[in-house]
C-alpha cells in the first residue's frame, strides 16, 4: 500500500494515461510534422506547433473518447495554429533592415518564398502547375495528395466540411491537369 502511494506521489500521471497517450499519438507524429510543415512553412515553427499540439492533447486526454485520434490531433493543431496567429503582432514598425541598412537582430528576415520552394521543390513544371492554384486549393492538395490524409482528416485540419475538401480537390486537380497537358514531360493517360 505504501509503495502505491509513493509511486502516485512521485508520478502525477498514472501509467495508463501515459501509455494511452503514447498509443494515440505515436503513430501520428510523422503526419503531425508534415501538416505543421505545410501550415507554417518554417521547420522551427512547425516543431513548435507540434509541441503545442502535443501539450494540449496531453492535457485534454481525459476528454478524448479514443475514436479517430488523427482527426482529434489535427483539430487540436488547427486550433493551436489559429491561436498562434492571433497572438502574433504585426511587425510593421520593426523592419528587418533598419534605416542605417544594418540587419536588425530582434527581427531577422524570413527566408524568401524562392528559398523555401527550392529546398522542397518538385519538378519545375509541376511547381508551375501548383503555383496556379489558389491558397485554399493548394492546402487541400498538400494535405490529401502529398501528406496522405483522408478527406475527413483534411476537413478536420482545415475546419471545413469533407464535401468542400472533395470539391476543392477536384477543382485543383482539374486546374493542374489543364496546366500540365501543354507540357511535353507530362503524359496524361485517358481514364
N, C-alpha and C. Protein backbone atom coordinates (compact mmCIF):
# COMPACT_ATOMS: atom_id res chain seq x y z
N UNK A 1 0.81 -1.18 0.00
CA UNK A 1 0.00 0.00 0.00
C UNK A 1 0.86 1.24 0.00
N UNK A 2 1.97 1.21 0.78
CA UNK A 2 2.85 2.36 0.84
C UNK A 2 3.57 2.55 -0.49
N UNK A 3 3.85 1.43 -1.18
CA UNK A 3 4.52 1.54 -2.47
C UNK A 3 3.64 2.24 -3.50
N UNK A 4 2.31 1.95 -3.48
CA UNK A 4 1.40 2.58 -4.43
C UNK A 4 1.28 4.07 -4.19
N UNK A 5 1.26 4.49 -2.92
CA UNK A 5 1.14 5.92 -2.64
C UNK A 5 2.42 6.65 -3.01
N UNK A 6 3.57 5.98 -2.88
CA UNK A 6 4.82 6.63 -3.27
C UNK A 6 4.90 6.79 -4.79
N UNK A 7 4.45 5.78 -5.53
CA UNK A 7 4.52 5.91 -6.99
C UNK A 7 3.56 6.97 -7.49
N UNK A 8 2.38 7.08 -6.86
CA UNK A 8 1.45 8.10 -7.32
C UNK A 8 1.89 9.49 -6.88
N UNK A 9 2.64 9.59 -5.77
CA UNK A 9 3.12 10.89 -5.34
C UNK A 9 4.28 11.37 -6.20
N UNK A 10 5.13 10.45 -6.66
CA UNK A 10 6.28 10.86 -7.47
C UNK A 10 5.90 11.02 -8.93
N UNK A 11 4.90 10.29 -9.39
CA UNK A 11 4.47 10.37 -10.77
C UNK A 11 3.00 10.80 -10.79
N UNK A 12 2.73 12.06 -11.07
CA UNK A 12 1.35 12.54 -11.01
C UNK A 12 0.46 11.94 -12.08
N UNK A 13 1.02 11.44 -13.17
CA UNK A 13 0.23 10.86 -14.24
C UNK A 13 0.21 9.35 -14.07
N UNK A 14 -0.95 8.74 -14.00
CA UNK A 14 -1.00 7.28 -13.90
C UNK A 14 -0.39 6.64 -15.14
N UNK A 15 0.25 5.49 -15.01
CA UNK A 15 0.88 4.84 -16.16
C UNK A 15 -0.10 4.56 -17.29
N UNK A 16 -1.35 4.28 -16.98
CA UNK A 16 -2.32 4.01 -18.04
C UNK A 16 -2.53 5.23 -18.93
N UNK A 17 -2.54 6.42 -18.33
CA UNK A 17 -2.73 7.64 -19.10
C UNK A 17 -1.52 7.90 -20.00
N UNK A 18 -0.31 7.73 -19.44
CA UNK A 18 0.90 7.95 -20.24
C UNK A 18 0.98 6.94 -21.37
N UNK A 19 0.63 5.69 -21.09
CA UNK A 19 0.66 4.66 -22.12
C UNK A 19 -0.38 4.90 -23.20
N UNK A 20 -1.57 5.32 -22.78
CA UNK A 20 -2.60 5.57 -23.78
C UNK A 20 -2.26 6.79 -24.64
N UNK A 21 -1.61 7.77 -24.04
CA UNK A 21 -1.19 8.94 -24.82
C UNK A 21 -0.19 8.52 -25.89
N UNK A 22 0.79 7.71 -25.49
CA UNK A 22 1.77 7.22 -26.47
C UNK A 22 1.10 6.39 -27.56
N UNK A 23 0.12 5.60 -27.17
CA UNK A 23 -0.57 4.76 -28.15
C UNK A 23 -1.38 5.60 -29.14
N UNK A 24 -1.99 6.69 -28.65
CA UNK A 24 -2.79 7.53 -29.53
C UNK A 24 -1.92 8.41 -30.42
N UNK A 25 -0.85 8.96 -29.86
CA UNK A 25 -0.07 9.98 -30.55
C UNK A 25 1.07 9.40 -31.38
N UNK A 26 1.72 8.39 -30.88
CA UNK A 26 2.93 7.85 -31.52
C UNK A 26 2.81 7.59 -33.01
N UNK A 27 1.79 6.86 -33.45
CA UNK A 27 1.71 6.57 -34.88
C UNK A 27 1.43 7.80 -35.75
N UNK A 28 0.97 8.88 -35.15
CA UNK A 28 0.56 10.05 -35.94
C UNK A 28 1.58 11.19 -35.91
N UNK A 29 2.70 11.01 -35.25
CA UNK A 29 3.70 12.08 -35.19
C UNK A 29 4.23 12.49 -36.56
N UNK A 30 4.56 11.54 -37.46
CA UNK A 30 5.01 11.98 -38.79
C UNK A 30 3.97 12.81 -39.53
N UNK A 31 2.70 12.44 -39.41
CA UNK A 31 1.64 13.20 -40.08
C UNK A 31 1.54 14.59 -39.46
N UNK A 32 1.62 14.67 -38.13
CA UNK A 32 1.56 15.97 -37.47
C UNK A 32 2.70 16.87 -37.94
N UNK A 33 3.89 16.30 -38.07
CA UNK A 33 5.04 17.10 -38.52
C UNK A 33 4.85 17.57 -39.96
N UNK A 34 4.33 16.71 -40.83
CA UNK A 34 4.12 17.11 -42.22
C UNK A 34 3.06 18.19 -42.34
N UNK A 35 1.96 18.02 -41.62
CA UNK A 35 0.89 19.01 -41.70
C UNK A 35 1.34 20.33 -41.10
N UNK A 36 2.07 20.27 -39.98
CA UNK A 36 2.59 21.50 -39.37
C UNK A 36 3.56 22.19 -40.33
N UNK A 37 4.37 21.41 -41.04
CA UNK A 37 5.28 21.99 -42.01
C UNK A 37 4.54 22.69 -43.14
N UNK A 38 3.42 22.12 -43.56
CA UNK A 38 2.66 22.77 -44.63
C UNK A 38 1.91 24.00 -44.12
N UNK A 39 1.55 24.01 -42.85
CA UNK A 39 0.87 25.18 -42.29
C UNK A 39 1.84 26.33 -42.01
N UNK A 40 3.03 26.00 -41.52
CA UNK A 40 3.96 27.03 -41.06
C UNK A 40 4.97 27.45 -42.11
N UNK A 41 5.36 26.54 -42.97
CA UNK A 41 6.39 26.81 -43.99
C UNK A 41 7.75 27.14 -43.38
N UNK A 42 7.94 26.79 -42.12
CA UNK A 42 9.21 27.02 -41.43
C UNK A 42 9.40 25.84 -40.49
N UNK A 43 10.51 25.10 -40.60
CA UNK A 43 10.66 23.89 -39.79
C UNK A 43 10.64 24.15 -38.28
N UNK A 44 11.20 25.27 -37.85
CA UNK A 44 11.22 25.57 -36.42
C UNK A 44 9.82 25.89 -35.90
N UNK A 45 9.07 26.67 -36.66
CA UNK A 45 7.70 26.97 -36.27
C UNK A 45 6.83 25.72 -36.30
N UNK A 46 7.11 24.84 -37.27
CA UNK A 46 6.35 23.60 -37.36
C UNK A 46 6.58 22.72 -36.12
N UNK A 47 7.83 22.63 -35.69
CA UNK A 47 8.14 21.86 -34.48
C UNK A 47 7.47 22.47 -33.26
N UNK A 48 7.46 23.79 -33.18
CA UNK A 48 6.78 24.46 -32.06
C UNK A 48 5.27 24.18 -32.09
N UNK A 49 4.70 24.19 -33.28
CA UNK A 49 3.27 23.93 -33.40
C UNK A 49 2.95 22.49 -32.98
N UNK A 50 3.78 21.55 -33.38
CA UNK A 50 3.57 20.15 -32.97
C UNK A 50 3.70 20.03 -31.46
N UNK A 51 4.67 20.71 -30.89
CA UNK A 51 4.84 20.66 -29.43
C UNK A 51 3.61 21.25 -28.73
N UNK A 52 3.11 22.38 -29.19
CA UNK A 52 1.89 22.95 -28.62
C UNK A 52 0.72 21.98 -28.74
N UNK A 53 0.63 21.33 -29.90
CA UNK A 53 -0.44 20.37 -30.13
C UNK A 53 -0.35 19.20 -29.14
N UNK A 54 0.85 18.68 -28.95
CA UNK A 54 1.02 17.54 -28.05
C UNK A 54 0.73 17.93 -26.60
N UNK A 55 1.11 19.12 -26.21
CA UNK A 55 0.82 19.57 -24.84
C UNK A 55 -0.69 19.69 -24.64
N UNK A 56 -1.37 20.29 -25.60
CA UNK A 56 -2.82 20.43 -25.48
C UNK A 56 -3.51 19.08 -25.52
N UNK A 57 -3.00 18.17 -26.35
CA UNK A 57 -3.60 16.83 -26.42
C UNK A 57 -3.41 16.09 -25.11
N UNK A 58 -2.24 16.22 -24.51
CA UNK A 58 -1.98 15.55 -23.24
C UNK A 58 -2.89 16.09 -22.15
N UNK A 59 -3.08 17.40 -22.14
CA UNK A 59 -3.95 17.99 -21.13
C UNK A 59 -5.41 17.59 -21.35
N UNK A 60 -5.81 17.37 -22.59
CA UNK A 60 -7.19 17.04 -22.88
C UNK A 60 -7.45 15.57 -23.09
N UNK A 61 -6.49 14.72 -22.73
CA UNK A 61 -6.63 13.29 -22.96
C UNK A 61 -7.82 12.70 -22.21
N UNK A 62 -8.15 13.23 -21.05
CA UNK A 62 -9.28 12.70 -20.28
C UNK A 62 -10.61 12.89 -21.02
N UNK A 63 -10.72 13.93 -21.81
CA UNK A 63 -11.95 14.18 -22.54
C UNK A 63 -12.02 13.50 -23.90
N UNK A 64 -10.95 12.80 -24.29
CA UNK A 64 -10.90 12.14 -25.60
C UNK A 64 -11.55 10.77 -25.50
N UNK A 65 -12.43 10.45 -26.45
CA UNK A 65 -13.17 9.19 -26.40
C UNK A 65 -12.42 8.02 -27.03
N UNK A 66 -11.30 8.27 -27.69
CA UNK A 66 -10.50 7.20 -28.28
C UNK A 66 -10.77 6.95 -29.75
N UNK A 67 -11.80 7.54 -30.29
CA UNK A 67 -12.13 7.34 -31.70
C UNK A 67 -11.43 8.41 -32.54
N UNK A 68 -10.87 8.02 -33.64
CA UNK A 68 -10.25 8.91 -34.62
C UNK A 68 -9.17 9.81 -34.00
N UNK A 69 -8.08 9.23 -33.51
CA UNK A 69 -7.05 10.06 -32.87
C UNK A 69 -6.37 11.03 -33.84
N UNK A 70 -6.23 10.65 -35.10
CA UNK A 70 -5.58 11.56 -36.05
C UNK A 70 -6.42 12.81 -36.27
N UNK A 71 -7.71 12.63 -36.46
CA UNK A 71 -8.59 13.78 -36.65
C UNK A 71 -8.62 14.65 -35.38
N UNK A 72 -8.58 14.01 -34.22
CA UNK A 72 -8.57 14.74 -32.95
C UNK A 72 -7.30 15.58 -32.84
N UNK A 73 -6.16 14.98 -33.17
CA UNK A 73 -4.89 15.70 -33.09
C UNK A 73 -4.82 16.82 -34.13
N UNK A 74 -5.32 16.58 -35.33
CA UNK A 74 -5.28 17.61 -36.36
C UNK A 74 -6.21 18.78 -36.02
N UNK A 75 -7.32 18.49 -35.37
CA UNK A 75 -8.20 19.57 -34.93
C UNK A 75 -7.52 20.41 -33.86
N UNK A 76 -6.83 19.75 -32.94
CA UNK A 76 -6.08 20.49 -31.92
C UNK A 76 -5.01 21.34 -32.59
N UNK A 77 -4.33 20.77 -33.60
CA UNK A 77 -3.28 21.51 -34.30
C UNK A 77 -3.85 22.72 -35.02
N UNK A 78 -4.99 22.55 -35.68
CA UNK A 78 -5.61 23.67 -36.39
C UNK A 78 -5.95 24.79 -35.41
N UNK A 79 -6.55 24.44 -34.29
CA UNK A 79 -6.91 25.46 -33.30
C UNK A 79 -5.67 26.12 -32.69
N UNK A 80 -4.63 25.33 -32.44
CA UNK A 80 -3.39 25.90 -31.91
C UNK A 80 -2.76 26.85 -32.92
N UNK A 81 -2.81 26.49 -34.20
CA UNK A 81 -2.25 27.36 -35.23
C UNK A 81 -3.03 28.67 -35.34
N UNK A 82 -4.34 28.57 -35.24
CA UNK A 82 -5.17 29.79 -35.28
C UNK A 82 -4.84 30.68 -34.10
N UNK A 83 -4.71 30.08 -32.92
CA UNK A 83 -4.39 30.86 -31.73
C UNK A 83 -3.00 31.49 -31.82
N UNK A 84 -2.06 30.79 -32.41
CA UNK A 84 -0.70 31.35 -32.57
C UNK A 84 -0.73 32.58 -33.47
N UNK A 85 -1.51 32.52 -34.54
CA UNK A 85 -1.60 33.67 -35.44
C UNK A 85 -2.30 34.84 -34.79
N UNK A 86 -3.26 34.55 -33.93
CA UNK A 86 -3.95 35.63 -33.23
C UNK A 86 -3.01 36.35 -32.28
N UNK A 87 -2.10 35.60 -31.66
CA UNK A 87 -1.19 36.19 -30.68
C UNK A 87 -0.06 37.00 -31.33
N UNK A 88 0.25 36.66 -32.56
CA UNK A 88 1.36 37.37 -33.21
C UNK A 88 0.92 38.78 -33.56
N UNK A 89 1.78 39.70 -33.25
CA UNK A 89 1.51 41.10 -33.58
C UNK A 89 2.27 41.44 -34.86
N UNK A 90 1.67 42.22 -35.69
CA UNK A 90 2.38 42.57 -36.93
C UNK A 90 3.63 43.40 -36.63
N UNK A 91 4.67 43.13 -37.36
CA UNK A 91 5.93 43.84 -37.16
C UNK A 91 6.05 45.02 -38.10
N UNK A 92 5.05 45.87 -38.14
CA UNK A 92 5.07 47.00 -39.07
C UNK A 92 6.19 47.98 -38.75
N UNK A 93 6.48 48.17 -37.48
CA UNK A 93 7.50 49.13 -37.10
C UNK A 93 8.89 48.52 -37.01
N UNK A 94 8.98 47.23 -37.07
CA UNK A 94 10.28 46.56 -36.95
C UNK A 94 10.62 45.90 -38.26
N UNK A 95 11.20 46.64 -39.15
CA UNK A 95 11.62 46.09 -40.42
C UNK A 95 12.91 45.31 -40.20
N UNK A 96 13.18 44.33 -41.05
CA UNK A 96 14.38 43.51 -40.89
C UNK A 96 15.65 44.34 -41.10
N UNK A 97 15.55 45.37 -41.87
CA UNK A 97 16.71 46.25 -42.10
C UNK A 97 16.33 47.64 -41.58
N UNK A 98 17.15 48.15 -40.67
CA UNK A 98 16.82 49.46 -40.11
C UNK A 98 17.23 50.58 -41.06
N UNK A 99 17.08 51.81 -40.65
CA UNK A 99 17.34 52.94 -41.52
C UNK A 99 18.79 53.03 -41.96
N UNK A 100 19.71 52.56 -41.14
CA UNK A 100 21.12 52.61 -41.49
C UNK A 100 21.50 51.49 -42.45
N UNK A 101 20.59 50.57 -42.71
CA UNK A 101 20.87 49.49 -43.64
C UNK A 101 21.45 48.25 -42.97
N UNK A 102 21.48 48.23 -41.65
CA UNK A 102 22.01 47.07 -40.94
C UNK A 102 20.88 46.13 -40.56
N UNK A 103 21.21 44.86 -40.46
CA UNK A 103 20.20 43.88 -40.07
C UNK A 103 19.81 44.06 -38.62
N UNK A 104 18.55 43.92 -38.36
CA UNK A 104 18.02 44.01 -37.00
C UNK A 104 18.05 42.61 -36.39
N UNK A 105 18.74 42.47 -35.26
CA UNK A 105 18.88 41.15 -34.63
C UNK A 105 17.57 40.67 -34.00
N UNK A 106 16.69 41.59 -33.61
CA UNK A 106 15.44 41.21 -32.98
C UNK A 106 14.45 40.62 -33.97
N UNK A 107 14.52 41.02 -35.21
CA UNK A 107 13.54 40.60 -36.20
C UNK A 107 14.27 40.18 -37.47
N UNK A 108 14.93 39.00 -37.47
CA UNK A 108 15.71 38.62 -38.64
C UNK A 108 14.80 38.39 -39.85
N UNK A 109 15.32 38.59 -41.04
CA UNK A 109 14.48 38.41 -42.23
C UNK A 109 14.08 36.94 -42.40
N UNK A 110 12.86 36.73 -42.79
CA UNK A 110 12.36 35.38 -43.04
C UNK A 110 12.89 34.92 -44.39
N UNK A 111 13.04 33.62 -44.58
CA UNK A 111 13.50 33.15 -45.89
C UNK A 111 12.47 33.50 -46.96
N UNK A 112 12.98 33.77 -48.15
CA UNK A 112 12.08 34.14 -49.24
C UNK A 112 11.30 32.91 -49.70
N UNK A 113 10.25 33.16 -50.43
CA UNK A 113 9.44 32.06 -50.95
C UNK A 113 10.26 31.19 -51.90
N UNK A 114 11.17 31.80 -52.62
CA UNK A 114 12.02 31.05 -53.54
C UNK A 114 12.95 30.10 -52.77
N UNK A 115 13.49 30.58 -51.63
CA UNK A 115 14.38 29.73 -50.83
C UNK A 115 13.62 28.53 -50.27
N UNK A 116 12.42 28.79 -49.78
CA UNK A 116 11.62 27.70 -49.24
C UNK A 116 11.25 26.71 -50.33
N UNK A 117 10.85 27.23 -51.48
CA UNK A 117 10.45 26.36 -52.58
C UNK A 117 11.63 25.57 -53.13
N UNK A 118 12.81 26.16 -53.14
CA UNK A 118 13.99 25.47 -53.68
C UNK A 118 14.39 24.30 -52.82
N UNK A 119 14.14 24.36 -51.51
CA UNK A 119 14.52 23.26 -50.65
C UNK A 119 13.55 22.09 -50.75
N UNK A 120 12.32 22.34 -51.17
CA UNK A 120 11.31 21.30 -51.23
C UNK A 120 10.66 21.22 -52.61
N UNK A 121 11.33 21.65 -53.64
CA UNK A 121 10.70 21.83 -54.94
C UNK A 121 10.56 20.51 -55.71
N UNK A 122 9.37 20.28 -56.27
CA UNK A 122 9.22 19.18 -57.22
C UNK A 122 9.76 19.63 -58.58
N UNK A 123 9.46 18.90 -59.61
CA UNK A 123 9.89 19.30 -60.96
C UNK A 123 9.34 20.69 -61.24
N UNK A 124 10.09 21.51 -61.99
CA UNK A 124 9.66 22.89 -62.23
C UNK A 124 8.28 23.00 -62.88
N UNK A 125 7.95 22.09 -63.76
CA UNK A 125 6.66 22.18 -64.44
C UNK A 125 5.52 21.81 -63.50
N UNK A 126 5.78 20.95 -62.50
CA UNK A 126 4.76 20.65 -61.50
C UNK A 126 4.61 21.84 -60.55
N UNK A 127 5.75 22.46 -60.22
CA UNK A 127 5.70 23.64 -59.36
C UNK A 127 4.91 24.76 -60.03
N UNK A 128 5.05 24.90 -61.35
CA UNK A 128 4.27 25.91 -62.07
C UNK A 128 2.77 25.61 -62.00
N UNK A 129 2.42 24.34 -62.13
CA UNK A 129 1.01 23.97 -62.05
C UNK A 129 0.47 24.21 -60.63
N UNK A 130 1.28 23.90 -59.62
CA UNK A 130 0.86 24.16 -58.24
C UNK A 130 0.76 25.66 -57.98
N UNK A 131 1.63 26.44 -58.60
CA UNK A 131 1.63 27.89 -58.41
C UNK A 131 0.38 28.55 -58.97
N UNK A 132 -0.30 27.89 -59.88
CA UNK A 132 -1.52 28.45 -60.47
C UNK A 132 -2.74 28.24 -59.55
N UNK A 133 -2.57 27.48 -58.48
CA UNK A 133 -3.70 27.20 -57.58
C UNK A 133 -3.83 28.30 -56.54
N UNK A 134 -5.05 28.53 -56.11
CA UNK A 134 -5.29 29.47 -55.02
C UNK A 134 -4.81 28.82 -53.72
N UNK A 135 -4.55 29.61 -52.68
CA UNK A 135 -4.06 29.02 -51.42
C UNK A 135 -4.99 27.96 -50.83
N UNK A 136 -6.30 28.17 -50.93
CA UNK A 136 -7.20 27.18 -50.34
C UNK A 136 -7.20 25.87 -51.12
N UNK A 137 -7.02 25.93 -52.43
CA UNK A 137 -6.91 24.71 -53.23
C UNK A 137 -5.55 24.05 -52.99
N UNK A 138 -4.51 24.86 -52.86
CA UNK A 138 -3.18 24.33 -52.62
C UNK A 138 -3.10 23.60 -51.28
N UNK A 139 -3.75 24.14 -50.24
CA UNK A 139 -3.73 23.48 -48.93
C UNK A 139 -4.40 22.11 -49.00
N UNK A 140 -5.49 22.01 -49.74
CA UNK A 140 -6.18 20.72 -49.86
C UNK A 140 -5.31 19.72 -50.61
N UNK A 141 -4.67 20.13 -51.69
CA UNK A 141 -3.78 19.25 -52.44
C UNK A 141 -2.62 18.80 -51.55
N UNK A 142 -2.07 19.73 -50.77
CA UNK A 142 -0.96 19.41 -49.88
C UNK A 142 -1.38 18.35 -48.86
N UNK A 143 -2.52 18.55 -48.23
CA UNK A 143 -2.94 17.64 -47.17
C UNK A 143 -3.35 16.26 -47.70
N UNK A 144 -4.10 16.23 -48.81
CA UNK A 144 -4.63 14.96 -49.30
C UNK A 144 -3.61 14.23 -50.18
N UNK A 145 -3.07 14.91 -51.18
CA UNK A 145 -2.20 14.23 -52.15
C UNK A 145 -0.76 14.08 -51.67
N UNK A 146 -0.25 15.05 -50.93
CA UNK A 146 1.14 14.99 -50.50
C UNK A 146 1.27 14.32 -49.14
N UNK A 147 0.47 14.78 -48.17
CA UNK A 147 0.57 14.25 -46.81
C UNK A 147 -0.22 12.96 -46.62
N UNK A 148 -1.10 12.63 -47.54
CA UNK A 148 -1.81 11.36 -47.48
C UNK A 148 -2.96 11.31 -46.48
N UNK A 149 -3.53 12.45 -46.14
CA UNK A 149 -4.67 12.45 -45.22
C UNK A 149 -5.94 12.05 -45.97
N UNK A 150 -6.88 11.51 -45.22
CA UNK A 150 -8.19 11.21 -45.81
C UNK A 150 -8.96 12.52 -45.94
N UNK A 151 -10.09 12.46 -46.64
CA UNK A 151 -10.90 13.67 -46.80
C UNK A 151 -11.38 14.18 -45.44
N UNK A 152 -11.81 13.26 -44.59
CA UNK A 152 -12.31 13.65 -43.28
C UNK A 152 -11.21 14.27 -42.42
N UNK A 153 -10.00 13.71 -42.49
CA UNK A 153 -8.89 14.26 -41.71
C UNK A 153 -8.48 15.63 -42.22
N UNK A 154 -8.45 15.79 -43.54
CA UNK A 154 -8.12 17.10 -44.10
C UNK A 154 -9.21 18.12 -43.75
N UNK A 155 -10.45 17.68 -43.75
CA UNK A 155 -11.55 18.57 -43.38
C UNK A 155 -11.41 19.01 -41.93
N UNK A 156 -11.04 18.08 -41.05
CA UNK A 156 -10.85 18.44 -39.64
C UNK A 156 -9.67 19.39 -39.48
N UNK A 157 -8.61 19.17 -40.25
CA UNK A 157 -7.43 20.04 -40.14
C UNK A 157 -7.72 21.45 -40.62
N UNK A 158 -8.56 21.57 -41.64
CA UNK A 158 -8.86 22.88 -42.21
C UNK A 158 -10.12 23.51 -41.61
N UNK A 159 -10.90 22.73 -40.89
CA UNK A 159 -12.11 23.26 -40.29
C UNK A 159 -13.23 23.51 -41.28
N UNK A 160 -13.29 22.66 -42.32
CA UNK A 160 -14.33 22.78 -43.34
C UNK A 160 -15.00 21.42 -43.51
N UNK A 161 -16.17 21.35 -44.15
CA UNK A 161 -16.82 20.05 -44.38
C UNK A 161 -16.03 19.18 -45.35
N UNK A 162 -16.19 17.87 -45.23
CA UNK A 162 -15.49 16.93 -46.11
C UNK A 162 -15.90 17.12 -47.56
N UNK A 163 -17.16 17.46 -47.80
CA UNK A 163 -17.61 17.71 -49.17
C UNK A 163 -16.88 18.88 -49.81
N UNK A 164 -16.56 19.90 -49.02
CA UNK A 164 -15.80 21.04 -49.53
C UNK A 164 -14.39 20.62 -49.88
N UNK A 165 -13.81 19.73 -49.07
CA UNK A 165 -12.46 19.21 -49.38
C UNK A 165 -12.49 18.48 -50.71
N UNK A 166 -13.49 17.62 -50.91
CA UNK A 166 -13.58 16.87 -52.17
C UNK A 166 -13.78 17.80 -53.36
N UNK A 167 -14.60 18.81 -53.19
CA UNK A 167 -14.85 19.76 -54.27
C UNK A 167 -13.60 20.54 -54.63
N UNK A 168 -12.92 21.05 -53.61
CA UNK A 168 -11.70 21.82 -53.86
C UNK A 168 -10.62 20.95 -54.48
N UNK A 169 -10.52 19.71 -54.01
CA UNK A 169 -9.51 18.81 -54.57
C UNK A 169 -9.81 18.50 -56.03
N UNK A 170 -11.06 18.28 -56.36
CA UNK A 170 -11.45 18.02 -57.74
C UNK A 170 -11.10 19.21 -58.63
N UNK A 171 -11.46 20.40 -58.18
CA UNK A 171 -11.17 21.61 -58.97
C UNK A 171 -9.66 21.84 -59.09
N UNK A 172 -8.93 21.60 -58.02
CA UNK A 172 -7.48 21.79 -58.06
C UNK A 172 -6.83 20.81 -59.03
N UNK A 173 -7.26 19.56 -58.99
CA UNK A 173 -6.70 18.57 -59.91
C UNK A 173 -7.04 18.90 -61.35
N UNK A 174 -8.25 19.38 -61.60
CA UNK A 174 -8.62 19.78 -62.96
C UNK A 174 -7.75 20.94 -63.46
N UNK A 175 -7.53 21.92 -62.61
CA UNK A 175 -6.69 23.07 -63.00
C UNK A 175 -5.26 22.63 -63.25
N UNK A 176 -4.75 21.76 -62.39
CA UNK A 176 -3.39 21.28 -62.60
C UNK A 176 -3.29 20.47 -63.88
N UNK A 177 -4.26 19.61 -64.12
CA UNK A 177 -4.26 18.79 -65.34
C UNK A 177 -4.31 19.68 -66.58
N UNK A 178 -5.12 20.74 -66.54
CA UNK A 178 -5.21 21.66 -67.68
C UNK A 178 -3.88 22.37 -67.91
N UNK A 179 -3.18 22.72 -66.84
CA UNK A 179 -1.89 23.38 -66.98
C UNK A 179 -0.80 22.41 -67.43
N UNK A 180 -0.91 21.16 -67.04
CA UNK A 180 0.15 20.20 -67.35
C UNK A 180 0.00 19.55 -68.72
N UNK A 181 -1.17 19.57 -69.30
CA UNK A 181 -1.35 18.91 -70.59
C UNK A 181 -0.52 19.56 -71.69
N UNK A 182 -0.14 20.82 -71.50
CA UNK A 182 0.65 21.52 -72.51
C UNK A 182 2.15 21.28 -72.33
N UNK A 183 2.53 20.62 -71.28
CA UNK A 183 3.96 20.40 -71.03
C UNK A 183 4.40 19.08 -71.65
N UNK A 184 5.57 19.07 -72.34
CA UNK A 184 5.99 17.84 -73.03
C UNK A 184 6.35 16.68 -72.08
N UNK A 185 6.75 16.99 -70.85
CA UNK A 185 7.12 15.92 -69.92
C UNK A 185 5.91 15.26 -69.26
N UNK A 186 4.76 15.87 -69.39
CA UNK A 186 3.55 15.33 -68.77
C UNK A 186 2.81 14.48 -69.77
N UNK A 187 2.58 13.25 -69.42
CA UNK A 187 1.83 12.36 -70.29
C UNK A 187 0.57 11.94 -69.56
N UNK A 188 -0.50 12.61 -69.87
CA UNK A 188 -1.78 12.31 -69.24
C UNK A 188 -2.40 11.13 -69.94
N UNK A 189 -2.73 10.12 -69.17
CA UNK A 189 -3.37 8.94 -69.76
C UNK A 189 -4.88 9.11 -69.64
N UNK A 190 -5.60 8.82 -70.71
CA UNK A 190 -7.06 8.92 -70.63
C UNK A 190 -7.62 7.93 -69.62
N UNK A 191 -8.72 8.35 -68.99
CA UNK A 191 -9.33 7.47 -67.96
C UNK A 191 -10.28 6.51 -68.58
